[in-house]
């Protein structure tokens, strides 16, 4: 019996549903105007790139991180990237491109080694 009246009920409810305002869509974190990175965000992004290099084969023989520092560095990388996507409203592609360009600079002789000491301090200060 209910099956027989369901189309009729939809026919009656149609005009009421059409008049109801549509809910406003919630913007995704990457939408909206993008802003430049703050000094802290830029430093954190540089350190994220440094930790990524240090954890990979390019860092072997250049810097030495223990297993705990490597794991914390990876988490720092993830949280920094997500924070920039949310806070600065940068899309994932832009964050990845910026990390890539920073990594290019860190590949130069002495750059990774010079960056690692302040980055380890920032890692400790982050509480991770």
N, C-alpha and C. Protein backbone atom coordinates (compact mmCIF):
# COMPACT_ATOMS: atom_id res chain seq x y z
N UNK A 1 0.81 -1.18 0.00
CA UNK A 1 0.00 0.00 0.00
C UNK A 1 0.86 1.25 0.00
N UNK A 2 1.94 1.24 0.80
CA UNK A 2 2.82 2.39 0.85
C UNK A 2 3.49 2.60 -0.50
N UNK A 3 3.83 1.52 -1.16
CA UNK A 3 4.47 1.63 -2.46
C UNK A 3 3.58 2.34 -3.46
N UNK A 4 2.28 2.14 -3.32
CA UNK A 4 1.34 2.73 -4.26
C UNK A 4 1.24 4.24 -4.04
N UNK A 5 1.41 4.73 -2.80
CA UNK A 5 1.26 6.15 -2.52
C UNK A 5 2.59 6.92 -2.58
N UNK A 6 3.71 6.24 -2.66
CA UNK A 6 5.01 6.91 -2.66
C UNK A 6 5.14 7.88 -3.83
N UNK A 7 4.81 7.51 -5.06
CA UNK A 7 4.93 8.49 -6.15
C UNK A 7 4.00 9.68 -5.95
N UNK A 8 2.82 9.45 -5.40
CA UNK A 8 1.88 10.53 -5.15
C UNK A 8 2.42 11.49 -4.11
N UNK A 9 3.06 10.96 -3.06
CA UNK A 9 3.64 11.79 -2.01
C UNK A 9 4.79 12.64 -2.57
N UNK A 10 5.59 12.07 -3.45
CA UNK A 10 6.67 12.84 -4.07
C UNK A 10 6.10 13.95 -4.96
N UNK A 11 5.00 13.68 -5.62
CA UNK A 11 4.37 14.69 -6.47
C UNK A 11 3.88 15.86 -5.63
N UNK A 12 3.31 15.57 -4.46
CA UNK A 12 2.84 16.64 -3.57
C UNK A 12 3.99 17.39 -2.90
N UNK A 13 5.08 16.69 -2.58
CA UNK A 13 6.20 17.32 -1.89
C UNK A 13 7.11 18.08 -2.84
N UNK A 14 7.02 17.82 -4.11
CA UNK A 14 7.89 18.46 -5.11
C UNK A 14 7.92 19.97 -5.03
N UNK A 15 6.75 20.67 -5.07
CA UNK A 15 6.78 22.13 -5.01
C UNK A 15 7.39 22.65 -3.71
N UNK A 16 7.16 21.99 -2.60
CA UNK A 16 7.72 22.44 -1.33
C UNK A 16 9.24 22.29 -1.33
N UNK A 17 9.72 21.20 -1.90
CA UNK A 17 11.16 20.99 -1.97
C UNK A 17 11.83 21.98 -2.90
N UNK A 18 11.15 22.36 -3.97
CA UNK A 18 11.71 23.30 -4.93
C UNK A 18 11.83 24.69 -4.33
N UNK A 19 10.96 25.04 -3.39
CA UNK A 19 10.99 26.37 -2.79
C UNK A 19 11.99 26.47 -1.64
N UNK A 20 12.39 25.37 -1.08
CA UNK A 20 13.34 25.39 0.03
C UNK A 20 14.70 25.83 -0.49
N UNK A 21 15.36 26.75 0.23
CA UNK A 21 16.68 27.17 -0.24
C UNK A 21 17.69 26.04 -0.12
N UNK A 22 18.56 25.99 -1.09
CA UNK A 22 19.59 24.96 -1.07
C UNK A 22 20.63 25.33 -0.02
N UNK A 23 21.14 24.35 0.70
CA UNK A 23 22.17 24.66 1.69
C UNK A 23 23.42 25.19 1.00
N UNK A 24 24.07 26.13 1.63
CA UNK A 24 25.29 26.71 1.07
C UNK A 24 26.41 25.68 1.11
N UNK A 25 27.12 25.51 0.00
CA UNK A 25 28.21 24.53 0.01
C UNK A 25 29.35 25.04 0.89
N UNK A 26 29.97 24.12 1.59
CA UNK A 26 31.11 24.50 2.40
C UNK A 26 32.35 24.46 1.53
N UNK A 27 33.14 25.52 1.54
CA UNK A 27 34.31 25.54 0.67
C UNK A 27 35.37 24.56 1.14
N UNK A 28 36.06 23.99 0.19
CA UNK A 28 37.17 23.09 0.51
C UNK A 28 38.33 23.93 1.04
N UNK A 29 39.21 23.37 1.84
CA UNK A 29 40.30 24.15 2.41
C UNK A 29 41.18 24.84 1.37
N UNK A 30 41.34 24.24 0.19
CA UNK A 30 42.23 24.82 -0.81
C UNK A 30 41.56 25.91 -1.63
N UNK A 31 40.27 26.15 -1.43
CA UNK A 31 39.58 27.18 -2.19
C UNK A 31 39.79 28.54 -1.54
N UNK A 32 39.53 29.58 -2.30
CA UNK A 32 39.67 30.91 -1.76
C UNK A 32 41.02 31.50 -2.13
N UNK A 33 41.24 32.73 -1.72
CA UNK A 33 42.50 33.38 -2.08
C UNK A 33 43.69 32.75 -1.36
N UNK A 34 44.73 32.54 -2.12
CA UNK A 34 45.96 32.01 -1.54
C UNK A 34 46.78 33.18 -1.01
N UNK A 35 47.51 32.95 0.04
CA UNK A 35 48.35 34.00 0.59
C UNK A 35 49.79 33.53 0.60
N UNK A 36 50.71 34.47 0.64
CA UNK A 36 52.11 34.07 0.75
C UNK A 36 52.37 33.41 2.09
N UNK A 37 53.42 32.63 2.15
CA UNK A 37 53.77 31.96 3.40
C UNK A 37 54.39 32.94 4.38
N UNK A 38 54.10 32.72 5.65
CA UNK A 38 54.75 33.50 6.69
C UNK A 38 56.19 33.01 6.82
N UNK A 39 56.99 33.73 7.56
CA UNK A 39 58.38 33.33 7.78
C UNK A 39 58.44 31.96 8.44
N UNK A 40 57.55 31.72 9.41
CA UNK A 40 57.53 30.44 10.11
C UNK A 40 57.12 29.30 9.17
N UNK A 41 56.12 29.55 8.33
CA UNK A 41 55.69 28.52 7.39
C UNK A 41 56.78 28.22 6.37
N UNK A 42 57.47 29.26 5.91
CA UNK A 42 58.56 29.05 4.96
C UNK A 42 59.69 28.24 5.56
N UNK A 43 60.04 28.55 6.81
CA UNK A 43 61.09 27.79 7.49
C UNK A 43 60.66 26.35 7.71
N UNK A 44 59.41 26.15 8.10
CA UNK A 44 58.91 24.79 8.32
C UNK A 44 58.89 24.00 7.02
N UNK A 45 58.57 24.67 5.91
CA UNK A 45 58.56 23.98 4.62
C UNK A 45 59.98 23.59 4.21
N UNK A 46 60.94 24.48 4.47
CA UNK A 46 62.34 24.17 4.17
C UNK A 46 62.79 22.97 5.00
N UNK A 47 62.42 22.96 6.27
CA UNK A 47 62.80 21.84 7.13
C UNK A 47 62.10 20.56 6.71
N UNK A 48 60.88 20.67 6.24
CA UNK A 48 60.17 19.48 5.74
C UNK A 48 60.94 18.87 4.58
N UNK A 49 61.41 19.72 3.66
CA UNK A 49 62.20 19.23 2.53
C UNK A 49 63.51 18.62 3.02
N UNK A 50 64.12 19.26 4.01
CA UNK A 50 65.39 18.74 4.55
C UNK A 50 65.19 17.37 5.19
N UNK A 51 64.10 17.21 5.95
CA UNK A 51 63.83 15.91 6.56
C UNK A 51 63.54 14.85 5.51
N UNK A 52 62.85 15.22 4.45
CA UNK A 52 62.56 14.26 3.38
C UNK A 52 63.84 13.79 2.71
N UNK A 53 64.74 14.73 2.45
CA UNK A 53 66.02 14.35 1.83
C UNK A 53 66.84 13.49 2.79
N UNK A 54 66.90 13.91 4.05
CA UNK A 54 67.69 13.17 5.03
C UNK A 54 67.18 11.74 5.22
N UNK A 55 65.87 11.54 5.09
CA UNK A 55 65.29 10.21 5.27
C UNK A 55 65.50 9.33 4.04
N UNK A 56 65.80 9.94 2.91
CA UNK A 56 65.94 9.19 1.67
C UNK A 56 67.38 8.86 1.34
N UNK A 57 67.59 8.25 0.19
CA UNK A 57 68.95 7.86 -0.19
C UNK A 57 69.87 9.06 -0.45
N UNK A 58 69.31 10.24 -0.80
CA UNK A 58 70.16 11.40 -1.05
C UNK A 58 70.82 11.92 0.22
N UNK A 59 70.24 11.61 1.37
CA UNK A 59 70.78 12.08 2.64
C UNK A 59 71.84 11.19 3.24
N UNK A 60 71.95 9.98 2.72
CA UNK A 60 72.92 9.03 3.28
C UNK A 60 74.34 9.57 3.10
N UNK A 61 75.08 9.58 4.19
CA UNK A 61 76.45 10.07 4.15
C UNK A 61 76.56 11.58 4.29
N UNK A 62 75.45 12.28 4.22
CA UNK A 62 75.48 13.75 4.36
C UNK A 62 75.04 14.17 5.75
N UNK A 63 73.96 13.59 6.23
CA UNK A 63 73.47 13.87 7.59
C UNK A 63 73.07 12.54 8.20
N UNK A 64 73.12 12.48 9.51
CA UNK A 64 72.71 11.23 10.16
C UNK A 64 71.59 11.54 11.14
N UNK A 65 70.46 10.90 10.92
CA UNK A 65 69.32 11.00 11.82
C UNK A 65 69.05 9.61 12.37
N UNK A 66 68.70 9.55 13.64
CA UNK A 66 68.33 8.25 14.19
C UNK A 66 66.90 7.92 13.76
N UNK A 67 66.46 6.72 14.07
CA UNK A 67 65.14 6.27 13.62
C UNK A 67 64.01 7.15 14.17
N UNK A 68 64.14 7.59 15.42
CA UNK A 68 63.11 8.43 16.02
C UNK A 68 63.05 9.79 15.33
N UNK A 69 64.21 10.37 15.03
CA UNK A 69 64.24 11.66 14.34
C UNK A 69 63.66 11.52 12.93
N UNK A 70 63.95 10.42 12.27
CA UNK A 70 63.41 10.20 10.93
C UNK A 70 61.90 10.11 10.97
N UNK A 71 61.36 9.37 11.91
CA UNK A 71 59.90 9.24 12.04
C UNK A 71 59.26 10.58 12.39
N UNK A 72 59.88 11.31 13.32
CA UNK A 72 59.35 12.62 13.69
C UNK A 72 59.44 13.60 12.52
N UNK A 73 60.52 13.50 11.74
CA UNK A 73 60.68 14.35 10.56
C UNK A 73 59.61 14.10 9.52
N UNK A 74 59.25 12.84 9.34
CA UNK A 74 58.18 12.51 8.39
C UNK A 74 56.84 13.08 8.87
N UNK A 75 56.57 12.97 10.15
CA UNK A 75 55.33 13.53 10.70
C UNK A 75 55.34 15.06 10.59
N UNK A 76 56.48 15.66 10.82
CA UNK A 76 56.63 17.11 10.67
C UNK A 76 56.31 17.52 9.23
N UNK A 77 56.83 16.76 8.28
CA UNK A 77 56.57 17.01 6.86
C UNK A 77 55.07 16.99 6.58
N UNK A 78 54.39 15.96 7.05
CA UNK A 78 52.96 15.81 6.80
C UNK A 78 52.16 16.95 7.43
N UNK A 79 52.46 17.24 8.68
CA UNK A 79 51.70 18.29 9.38
C UNK A 79 51.97 19.67 8.79
N UNK A 80 53.22 19.92 8.40
CA UNK A 80 53.54 21.22 7.78
C UNK A 80 52.82 21.37 6.46
N UNK A 81 52.86 20.35 5.64
CA UNK A 81 52.18 20.41 4.33
C UNK A 81 50.69 20.64 4.51
N UNK A 82 50.07 19.89 5.40
CA UNK A 82 48.63 20.04 5.65
C UNK A 82 48.32 21.42 6.21
N UNK A 83 49.17 21.92 7.09
CA UNK A 83 48.95 23.24 7.67
C UNK A 83 49.00 24.34 6.63
N UNK A 84 49.90 24.21 5.67
CA UNK A 84 50.01 25.21 4.61
C UNK A 84 48.82 25.12 3.66
N UNK A 85 48.38 23.91 3.38
CA UNK A 85 47.20 23.76 2.53
C UNK A 85 45.97 24.37 3.19
N UNK A 86 45.85 24.20 4.49
CA UNK A 86 44.70 24.75 5.22
C UNK A 86 44.86 26.24 5.49
N UNK A 87 46.01 26.64 6.03
CA UNK A 87 46.21 28.02 6.45
C UNK A 87 46.42 29.00 5.31
N UNK A 88 47.34 28.67 4.41
CA UNK A 88 47.64 29.56 3.29
C UNK A 88 46.74 29.27 2.08
N UNK A 89 45.96 28.20 2.20
CA UNK A 89 45.04 27.79 1.13
C UNK A 89 45.77 27.45 -0.18
N UNK A 90 46.95 26.89 -0.02
CA UNK A 90 47.70 26.44 -1.19
C UNK A 90 47.19 25.06 -1.58
N UNK A 91 47.00 24.81 -2.88
CA UNK A 91 46.65 23.44 -3.30
C UNK A 91 47.85 22.51 -3.14
N UNK A 92 47.55 21.26 -3.04
CA UNK A 92 48.59 20.23 -2.84
C UNK A 92 49.70 20.35 -3.89
N UNK A 93 49.34 20.63 -5.12
CA UNK A 93 50.32 20.72 -6.19
C UNK A 93 51.31 21.86 -5.96
N UNK A 94 50.81 22.97 -5.45
CA UNK A 94 51.69 24.11 -5.19
C UNK A 94 52.64 23.81 -4.04
N UNK A 95 52.13 23.16 -3.00
CA UNK A 95 52.99 22.78 -1.87
C UNK A 95 54.07 21.83 -2.36
N UNK A 96 53.68 20.85 -3.16
CA UNK A 96 54.65 19.87 -3.68
C UNK A 96 55.70 20.56 -4.56
N UNK A 97 55.27 21.50 -5.39
CA UNK A 97 56.21 22.20 -6.25
C UNK A 97 57.19 23.04 -5.43
N UNK A 98 56.70 23.69 -4.40
CA UNK A 98 57.56 24.51 -3.54
C UNK A 98 58.57 23.63 -2.80
N UNK A 99 58.12 22.50 -2.29
CA UNK A 99 59.04 21.57 -1.62
C UNK A 99 60.08 21.07 -2.61
N UNK A 100 59.66 20.81 -3.84
CA UNK A 100 60.60 20.36 -4.87
C UNK A 100 61.67 21.40 -5.17
N UNK A 101 61.27 22.67 -5.25
CA UNK A 101 62.26 23.71 -5.55
C UNK A 101 63.20 23.92 -4.36
N UNK A 102 62.67 23.81 -3.15
CA UNK A 102 63.54 23.91 -1.96
C UNK A 102 64.51 22.73 -1.93
N UNK A 103 64.02 21.55 -2.29
CA UNK A 103 64.88 20.36 -2.30
C UNK A 103 66.02 20.51 -3.29
N UNK A 104 65.75 21.18 -4.41
CA UNK A 104 66.81 21.43 -5.40
C UNK A 104 67.95 22.23 -4.77
N UNK A 105 67.59 23.25 -4.01
CA UNK A 105 68.60 24.08 -3.34
C UNK A 105 69.34 23.26 -2.29
N UNK A 106 68.62 22.44 -1.55
CA UNK A 106 69.24 21.64 -0.49
C UNK A 106 70.17 20.55 -1.04
N UNK A 107 70.08 20.25 -2.32
CA UNK A 107 70.96 19.26 -2.93
C UNK A 107 72.36 19.82 -3.17
N UNK A 108 72.49 21.14 -3.15
CA UNK A 108 73.81 21.76 -3.36
C UNK A 108 74.73 21.39 -2.19
N UNK A 109 76.02 21.31 -2.46
CA UNK A 109 76.97 20.94 -1.40
C UNK A 109 76.87 21.88 -0.19
N UNK A 110 76.74 21.28 0.99
CA UNK A 110 76.72 22.02 2.23
C UNK A 110 75.38 22.58 2.65
N UNK A 111 74.41 22.66 1.73
CA UNK A 111 73.12 23.27 2.06
C UNK A 111 72.31 22.42 3.04
N UNK A 112 72.22 21.13 2.78
CA UNK A 112 71.46 20.25 3.67
C UNK A 112 72.09 20.21 5.06
N UNK A 113 73.40 20.11 5.09
CA UNK A 113 74.10 20.06 6.36
C UNK A 113 73.89 21.35 7.17
N UNK A 114 73.91 22.49 6.50
CA UNK A 114 73.70 23.77 7.18
C UNK A 114 72.27 23.92 7.68
N UNK A 115 71.32 23.36 6.95
CA UNK A 115 69.91 23.49 7.33
C UNK A 115 69.52 22.54 8.45
N UNK A 116 70.23 21.45 8.60
CA UNK A 116 69.76 20.40 9.51
C UNK A 116 69.78 20.82 10.98
N UNK A 117 70.79 21.54 11.42
CA UNK A 117 70.85 21.92 12.83
C UNK A 117 69.65 22.78 13.24
N UNK A 118 69.35 23.87 12.51
CA UNK A 118 68.16 24.64 12.89
C UNK A 118 66.86 23.85 12.71
N UNK A 119 66.84 22.95 11.75
CA UNK A 119 65.63 22.16 11.52
C UNK A 119 65.38 21.18 12.67
N UNK A 120 66.45 20.63 13.21
CA UNK A 120 66.28 19.74 14.37
C UNK A 120 65.77 20.53 15.58
N UNK A 121 66.22 21.79 15.72
CA UNK A 121 65.69 22.63 16.79
C UNK A 121 64.20 22.90 16.58
N UNK A 122 63.82 23.17 15.32
CA UNK A 122 62.40 23.40 15.02
C UNK A 122 61.58 22.14 15.25
N UNK A 123 62.15 21.00 14.91
CA UNK A 123 61.47 19.72 15.16
C UNK A 123 61.23 19.52 16.65
N UNK A 124 62.25 19.79 17.45
CA UNK A 124 62.10 19.66 18.91
C UNK A 124 61.06 20.64 19.45
N UNK A 125 61.08 21.86 18.92
CA UNK A 125 60.13 22.88 19.38
C UNK A 125 58.70 22.55 18.98
N UNK A 126 58.54 21.74 17.94
CA UNK A 126 57.19 21.40 17.47
C UNK A 126 56.47 20.45 18.42
N UNK A 127 57.22 19.77 19.27
CA UNK A 127 56.61 18.85 20.21
C UNK A 127 56.34 17.47 19.64
N UNK A 128 56.77 17.22 18.43
CA UNK A 128 56.56 15.89 17.84
C UNK A 128 57.60 14.92 18.34
